[in-house]
C-alpha atoms as a PDB file:
ATOM      1  CA  MET A   1     193.560  94.355  94.613  1.00  0.00           C
ATOM      2  CA  LEU A   2     193.853  90.690  95.240  1.00  0.00           C
ATOM      3  CA  ILE A   3     196.533  89.918  92.371  1.00  0.00           C
ATOM      4  CA  SER A   4     198.941  92.261  94.174  1.00  0.00           C
ATOM      5  CA  ALA A   5     199.166  89.844  97.170  1.00  0.00           C
ATOM      6  CA  LEU A   6     200.041  86.980  94.915  1.00  0.00           C
ATOM      7  CA  PHE A   7     203.576  88.613  94.630  1.00  0.00           C
ATOM      8  CA  THR A   8     203.953  90.061  98.110  1.00  0.00           C
ATOM      9  CA  ASP A   9     201.982  87.330 100.225  1.00  0.00           C
ATOM     10  CA  PRO A  10     201.394  84.247  97.978  1.00  0.00           C
ATOM     11  CA  ILE A  11     199.993  82.190 101.145  1.00  0.00           C
ATOM     12  CA  SER A  12     197.402  85.114 102.014  1.00  0.00           C
ATOM     13  CA  TYR A  13     196.558  84.923  98.262  1.00  0.00           C
ATOM     14  CA  LEU A  14     195.858  81.579  98.422  1.00  0.00           C
ATOM     15  CA  MET A  15     193.593  81.690 101.411  1.00  0.00           C
ATOM     16  CA  MET A  16     191.731  84.235 100.101  1.00  0.00           C
ATOM     17  CA  ALA A  17     191.235  82.546  96.940  1.00  0.00           C
ATOM     18  CA  VAL A  18     190.264  79.400  98.628  1.00  0.00           C
ATOM     19  CA  SER A  19     187.728  81.089 100.834  1.00  0.00           C
ATOM     20  CA  LEU A  20     186.132  82.973  98.286  1.00  0.00           C
ATOM     21  CA  LEU A  21     185.964  79.795  95.877  1.00  0.00           C
ATOM     22  CA  PHE A  22     184.378  77.704  98.549  1.00  0.00           C
ATOM     23  CA  ALA A  23     181.995  80.384  99.818  1.00  0.00           C
ATOM     24  CA  LEU A  24     180.633  81.112  96.183  1.00  0.00           C
ATOM     25  CA  THR A  25     180.535  77.208  95.521  1.00  0.00           C
ATOM     26  CA  VAL A  26     178.335  76.342  98.429  1.00  0.00           C
ATOM     27  CA  HIS A  27     176.150  79.290  98.055  1.00  0.00           C
ATOM     28  CA  GLU A  28     175.306  78.679  94.397  1.00  0.00           C
ATOM     29  CA  TYR A  29     175.141  74.880  95.613  1.00  0.00           C
ATOM     30  CA  ALA A  30     172.454  75.968  98.087  1.00  0.00           C
ATOM     31  CA  HIS A  31     170.588  77.815  95.891  1.00  0.00           C
ATOM     32  CA  ALA A  32     170.479  74.602  93.734  1.00  0.00           C
ATOM     33  CA  GLN A  33     169.310  72.179  96.375  1.00  0.00           C
ATOM     34  CA  ALA A  34     166.949  74.628  97.651  1.00  0.00           C
ATOM     35  CA  ALA A  35     165.024  74.553  94.208  1.00  0.00           C
ATOM     36  CA  ASP A  36     165.552  70.756  93.944  1.00  0.00           C
ATOM     37  CA  TRP A  37     163.848  70.003  97.611  1.00  0.00           C
ATOM     38  CA  GLN A  38     160.887  72.094  96.460  1.00  0.00           C
ATOM     39  CA  GLY A  39     160.209  70.099  93.077  1.00  0.00           C
ATOM     40  CA  ASP A  40     162.043  71.922  90.408  1.00  0.00           C
ATOM     41  CA  HIS A  41     164.840  69.992  89.087  1.00  0.00           C
ATOM     42  CA  THR A  42     166.226  72.435  86.498  1.00  0.00           C
ATOM     43  CA  ALA A  43     169.521  72.811  88.143  1.00  0.00           C
ATOM     44  CA  ARG A  44     169.912  68.823  88.772  1.00  0.00           C
ATOM     45  CA  ALA A  45     169.483  68.384  85.115  1.00  0.00           C
ATOM     46  CA  MET A  46     172.120  70.775  84.033  1.00  0.00           C
ATOM     47  CA  GLY A  47     174.503  69.500  86.453  1.00  0.00           C
ATOM     48  CA  ARG A  48     174.399  72.033  89.022  1.00  0.00           C
ATOM     49  CA  LEU A  49     173.503  70.211  92.009  1.00  0.00           C
ATOM     50  CA  THR A  50     177.219  69.639  92.824  1.00  0.00           C
ATOM     51  CA  LEU A  51     179.807  70.869  94.928  1.00  0.00           C
ATOM     52  CA  ASN A  52     182.468  70.855  92.086  1.00  0.00           C
ATOM     53  CA  PRO A  53     183.648  74.258  91.855  1.00  0.00           C
ATOM     54  CA  LEU A  54     183.905  73.954  87.817  1.00  0.00           C
ATOM     55  CA  ALA A  55     180.162  73.955  87.788  1.00  0.00           C
ATOM     56  CA  HIS A  56     179.560  77.270  89.457  1.00  0.00           C
ATOM     57  CA  LEU A  57     182.256  79.514  88.321  1.00  0.00           C
ATOM     58  CA  ASP A  58     181.456  82.207  85.504  1.00  0.00           C
ATOM     59  CA  PRO A  59     184.285  82.936  83.713  1.00  0.00           C
ATOM     60  CA  ILE A  60     184.556  86.982  84.251  1.00  0.00           C
ATOM     61  CA  GLY A  61     183.261  86.201  87.826  1.00  0.00           C
ATOM     62  CA  ALA A  62     185.999  84.108  88.351  1.00  0.00           C
ATOM     63  CA  LEU A  63     188.590  85.890  86.788  1.00  0.00           C
ATOM     64  CA  LEU A  64     187.644  88.822  88.914  1.00  0.00           C
ATOM     65  CA  ILE A  65     187.802  86.697  92.220  1.00  0.00           C
ATOM     66  CA  PHE A  66     191.372  85.880  91.539  1.00  0.00           C
ATOM     67  CA  THR A  67     192.488  89.205  90.484  1.00  0.00           C
ATOM     68  CA  MET A  68     190.510  91.740  92.362  1.00  0.00           C
ATOM     69  CA  GLY A  69     189.394  89.812  95.443  1.00  0.00           C
ATOM     70  CA  PHE A  70     185.848  89.814  94.547  1.00  0.00           C
ATOM     71  CA  GLY A  71     183.392  88.254  91.769  1.00  0.00           C
ATOM     72  CA  TRP A  72     180.394  86.221  91.216  1.00  0.00           C
ATOM     73  CA  GLY A  73     179.392  82.735  90.344  1.00  0.00           C
ATOM     74  CA  LYS A  74     177.261  81.384  87.747  1.00  0.00           C
ATOM     75  CA  PRO A  75     173.611  82.058  88.535  1.00  0.00           C
ATOM     76  CA  VAL A  76     171.667  79.103  89.224  1.00  0.00           C
ATOM     77  CA  PRO A  77     168.806  78.213  86.789  1.00  0.00           C
ATOM     78  CA  PHE A  78     165.508  77.475  88.038  1.00  0.00           C
ATOM     79  CA  SER A  79     161.772  77.576  87.187  1.00  0.00           C
ATOM     80  CA  PRO A  80     159.505  79.326  89.467  1.00  0.00           C
ATOM     81  CA  TYR A  81     156.626  77.573  88.061  1.00  0.00           C
ATOM     82  CA  GLY A  82     158.362  74.099  89.263  1.00  0.00           C
ATOM     83  CA  LEU A  83     158.345  75.170  92.572  1.00  0.00           C
ATOM     84  CA  ARG A  84     155.602  73.898  95.023  1.00  0.00           C
ATOM     85  CA  ASN A  85     155.193  77.023  96.672  1.00  0.00           C
ATOM     86  CA  LYS A  86     154.267  79.919  94.052  1.00  0.00           C
ATOM     87  CA  LYS A  87     154.328  83.062  96.303  1.00  0.00           C
ATOM     88  CA  TRP A  88     157.575  81.863  98.350  1.00  0.00           C
ATOM     89  CA  GLY A  89     159.364  79.519  96.527  1.00  0.00           C
ATOM     90  CA  ALA A  90     161.662  81.993  94.550  1.00  0.00           C
ATOM     91  CA  SER A  91     162.478  83.723  97.962  1.00  0.00           C
ATOM     92  CA  LEU A  92     163.372  80.185  99.592  1.00  0.00           C
ATOM     93  CA  VAL A  93     165.771  79.471  96.699  1.00  0.00           C
ATOM     94  CA  ALA A  94     167.148  82.907  96.761  1.00  0.00           C
ATOM     95  CA  ILE A  95     167.828  83.347 100.796  1.00  0.00           C
ATOM     96  CA  ALA A  96     169.368  79.783 100.574  1.00  0.00           C
ATOM     97  CA  GLY A  97     172.595  81.258  99.133  1.00  0.00           C
ATOM     98  CA  PRO A  98     173.202  83.773 101.823  1.00  0.00           C
ATOM     99  CA  LEU A  99     172.025  81.423 104.470  1.00  0.00           C
ATOM    100  CA  SER A 100     174.705  78.730 103.625  1.00  0.00           C
ATOM    101  CA  ASN A 101     177.311  81.794 103.997  1.00  0.00           C
ATOM    102  CA  PHE A 102     176.026  82.403 107.473  1.00  0.00           C
ATOM    103  CA  ILE A 103     176.001  78.890 108.382  1.00  0.00           C
ATOM    104  CA  MET A 104     179.649  78.411 107.229  1.00  0.00           C
ATOM    105  CA  ALA A 105     180.752  81.767 109.222  1.00  0.00           C
ATOM    106  CA  VAL A 106     179.017  80.536 112.464  1.00  0.00           C
ATOM    107  CA  VAL A 107     180.529  76.608 112.021  1.00  0.00           C
ATOM    108  CA  VAL A 108     184.132  77.904 111.447  1.00  0.00           C
ATOM    109  CA  GLY A 109     183.467  80.978 113.851  1.00  0.00           C
ATOM    110  CA  MET A 110     182.559  78.395 116.637  1.00  0.00           C
ATOM    111  CA  ILE A 111     186.012  76.646 115.958  1.00  0.00           C
ATOM    112  CA  LEU A 112     187.725  79.997 116.217  1.00  0.00           C
ATOM    113  CA  ARG A 113     185.989  80.850 119.464  1.00  0.00           C
ATOM    114  CA  PHE A 114     186.347  77.725 121.187  1.00  0.00           C
ATOM    115  CA  GLY A 115     188.869  75.560 119.568  1.00  0.00           C
ATOM    116  CA  HIS A 116     192.562  75.465 120.103  1.00  0.00           C
ATOM    117  CA  LEU A 117     194.179  76.236 116.956  1.00  0.00           C
ATOM    118  CA  GLY A 118     197.864  75.665 116.183  1.00  0.00           C
ATOM    119  CA  GLY A 119     199.492  78.165 114.098  1.00  0.00           C
ATOM    120  CA  GLU A 120     199.016  81.468 112.832  1.00  0.00           C
ATOM    121  CA  ARG A 121     198.295  80.654 109.365  1.00  0.00           C
ATOM    122  CA  LEU A 122     195.452  78.481 110.203  1.00  0.00           C
ATOM    123  CA  LEU A 123     194.312  80.962 112.488  1.00  0.00           C
ATOM    124  CA  SER A 124     194.646  83.609 109.700  1.00  0.00           C
ATOM    125  CA  PHE A 125     192.434  81.383 107.279  1.00  0.00           C
ATOM    126  CA  PHE A 126     189.597  80.881 109.498  1.00  0.00           C
ATOM    127  CA  VAL A 127     189.555  84.582 110.438  1.00  0.00           C
ATOM    128  CA  MET A 128     189.456  85.491 106.654  1.00  0.00           C
ATOM    129  CA  PHE A 129     186.991  82.564 105.881  1.00  0.00           C
ATOM    130  CA  VAL A 130     184.232  83.519 108.465  1.00  0.00           C
ATOM    131  CA  TRP A 131     184.924  87.484 107.341  1.00  0.00           C
ATOM    132  CA  LEU A 132     184.313  86.636 103.540  1.00  0.00           C
ATOM    133  CA  ASN A 133     181.114  84.405 104.474  1.00  0.00           C
ATOM    134  CA  VAL A 134     179.537  87.131 106.669  1.00  0.00           C
ATOM    135  CA  LEU A 135     180.269  89.851 104.023  1.00  0.00           C
ATOM    136  CA  LEU A 136     178.768  87.690 101.132  1.00  0.00           C
ATOM    137  CA  GLY A 137     176.040  87.132 103.042  1.00  0.00           C
ATOM    138  CA  VAL A 138     174.937  90.562 103.869  1.00  0.00           C
ATOM    139  CA  PHE A 139     176.002  91.862 100.695  1.00  0.00           C
ATOM    140  CA  ASN A 140     173.418  89.255  98.912  1.00  0.00           C
ATOM    141  CA  LEU A 141     170.642  89.862 100.931  1.00  0.00           C
ATOM    142  CA  ILE A 142     170.662  93.636  99.986  1.00  0.00           C
ATOM    143  CA  PRO A 143     167.217  93.882  98.372  1.00  0.00           C
ATOM    144  CA  VAL A 144     168.269  95.106  94.807  1.00  0.00           C
ATOM    145  CA  PRO A 145     168.312  93.163  91.622  1.00  0.00           C
ATOM    146  CA  PRO A 146     169.916  90.742  90.966  1.00  0.00           C
ATOM    147  CA  LEU A 147     171.337  89.943  94.269  1.00  0.00           C
ATOM    148  CA  ASP A 148     169.271  87.413  96.266  1.00  0.00           C
ATOM    149  CA  GLY A 149     167.564  90.190  98.721  1.00  0.00           C
ATOM    150  CA  SER A 150     165.465  91.368  95.651  1.00  0.00           C
ATOM    151  CA  HIS A 151     163.218  88.175  95.281  1.00  0.00           C
ATOM    152  CA  LEU A 152     162.463  88.312  99.022  1.00  0.00           C
ATOM    153  CA  ALA A 153     161.703  92.040  98.319  1.00  0.00           C
ATOM    154  CA  LEU A 154     159.365  90.914  95.436  1.00  0.00           C
ATOM    155  CA  ALA A 155     157.685  88.375  97.480  1.00  0.00           C
ATOM    156  CA  LEU A 156     156.864  91.305 100.108  1.00  0.00           C
ATOM    157  CA  TRP A 157     155.983  93.809  97.112  1.00  0.00           C
ATOM    158  CA  PRO A 158     152.600  95.701  98.149  1.00  0.00           C
ATOM    159  CA  TRP A 159     150.032  95.708  95.437  1.00  0.00           C
ATOM    160  CA  LYS A 160     149.589  99.412  94.983  1.00  0.00           C
ATOM    161  CA  TRP A 161     153.203  99.714  93.960  1.00  0.00           C
ATOM    162  CA  GLU A 162     152.873  96.818  91.202  1.00  0.00           C
ATOM    163  CA  LYS A 163     153.350  99.191  88.359  1.00  0.00           C
ATOM    164  CA  TYR A 164     156.992  99.727  89.718  1.00  0.00           C
ATOM    165  CA  ARG A 165     158.075  96.347  89.993  1.00  0.00           C
ATOM    166  CA  VAL A 166     159.347  96.043  86.062  1.00  0.00           C
ATOM    167  CA  PRO A 167     161.645  98.984  86.795  1.00  0.00           C
ATOM    168  CA  PHE A 168     162.587  97.609  90.040  1.00  0.00           C
ATOM    169  CA  MET A 169     163.966  94.541  88.542  1.00  0.00           C
ATOM    170  CA  GLN A 170     165.564  96.403  85.650  1.00  0.00           C
ATOM    171  CA  GLY A 171     167.914  98.361  87.927  1.00  0.00           C
ATOM    172  CA  GLY A 172     170.566  96.183  86.999  1.00  0.00           C
ATOM    173  CA  PHE A 173     174.301  98.135  86.856  1.00  0.00           C
ATOM    174  CA  MET A 174     173.385 100.905  89.123  1.00  0.00           C
ATOM    175  CA  ALA A 175     171.641  98.902  91.874  1.00  0.00           C
ATOM    176  CA  ILE A 176     175.006  96.750  91.801  1.00  0.00           C
ATOM    177  CA  ILE A 177     176.690 100.179  92.374  1.00  0.00           C
ATOM    178  CA  VAL A 178     174.429 101.163  95.330  1.00  0.00           C
ATOM    179  CA  ALA A 179     174.686  98.002  96.834  1.00  0.00           C
ATOM    180  CA  ILE A 180     178.482  98.315  96.731  1.00  0.00           C
ATOM    181  CA  PHE A 181     178.646 101.789  98.270  1.00  0.00           C
ATOM    182  CA  PHE A 182     175.824 100.495 100.978  1.00  0.00           C
ATOM    183  CA  MET A 183     178.405  97.862 102.131  1.00  0.00           C
ATOM    184  CA  MET A 184     180.994 100.385 102.235  1.00  0.00           C
ATOM    185  CA  TYR A 185     179.627 102.756 104.534  1.00  0.00           C
ATOM    186  CA  ILE A 186     176.682 100.807 106.206  1.00  0.00           C
ATOM    187  CA  GLY A 187     176.784  97.049 105.447  1.00  0.00           C
ATOM    188  CA  GLY A 188     180.450  96.440 106.375  1.00  0.00           C
ATOM    189  CA  PRO A 189     181.044  98.604 109.415  1.00  0.00           C
ATOM    190  CA  TYR A 190     177.686  98.551 110.962  1.00  0.00           C
ATOM    191  CA  ILE A 191     176.418  95.005 109.913  1.00  0.00           C
ATOM    192  CA  ALA A 192     178.847  92.624 108.874  1.00  0.00           C
ATOM    193  CA  GLN A 193     181.525  93.934 111.489  1.00  0.00           C
ATOM    194  CA  PRO A 194     179.079  93.325 114.401  1.00  0.00           C
ATOM    195  CA  LEU A 195     177.956  90.082 113.012  1.00  0.00           C
ATOM    196  CA  PHE A 196     181.704  88.736 112.746  1.00  0.00           C
ATOM    197  CA  SER A 197     182.449  90.271 116.301  1.00  0.00           C
ATOM    198  CA  LEU A 198     179.332  88.059 117.569  1.00  0.00           C
ATOM    199  CA  ILE A 199     179.971  84.886 115.671  1.00  0.00           C
ATOM    200  CA  THR A 200     183.787  84.843 116.907  1.00  0.00           C
ATOM    201  CA  GLY A 201     184.298  86.628 119.895  1.00  0.00           C
ATOM    202  CA  LEU A 202     186.841  88.740 118.190  1.00  0.00           C
ATOM    203  CA  PRO A 203     186.954  92.621 118.254  1.00  0.00           C
ATOM    204  CA  MET A 204     185.642  94.794 115.447  1.00  0.00           C
ATOM    205  CA  GLY A 205     188.334  96.059 113.519  1.00  0.00           C
ATOM    206  CA  PHE A 206     190.413  92.949 113.879  1.00  0.00           C
END
């Protein structure tokens, strides 16, 4: 539980909290920007086309971020009917969020791999930042609602499965539980950790 680190190691607590806050802010901004580029200005009109974290924080999600170490941002509103590409537009908006996490992970990971960082704390911060962004990127690509990967799944949805579309989108809480267990036993050790090592050059199980 992240809140315990506040009392035992406040510097590590601050590093993780800042990493999560920045990663989620850029993630949500990327959704808004992708929709805006495609012609839907709903997010812009609602003040979501910004890197101000306050515009993207969900009260409960933010509370969990700063206490439990995981949480969520406020979903970015957009109208699929306002997007120029009616088939793939929503998928592009959805994928923009995880893609932003992977881009941040690669940029900071290259600094870790090739830079000469002074100070153990700065090194720890960069390692944590890359790891959290890789985790967020992988987790959000899981094709279950309401995660971003579900929009790509719907764009690829076979017509013969059309009667299952509504039940699929109503997966809700149970789908998230399945996604969490997937990350614990498959996504984390077999996808996120190898990606982290590939980006940073650091060994798995860092």
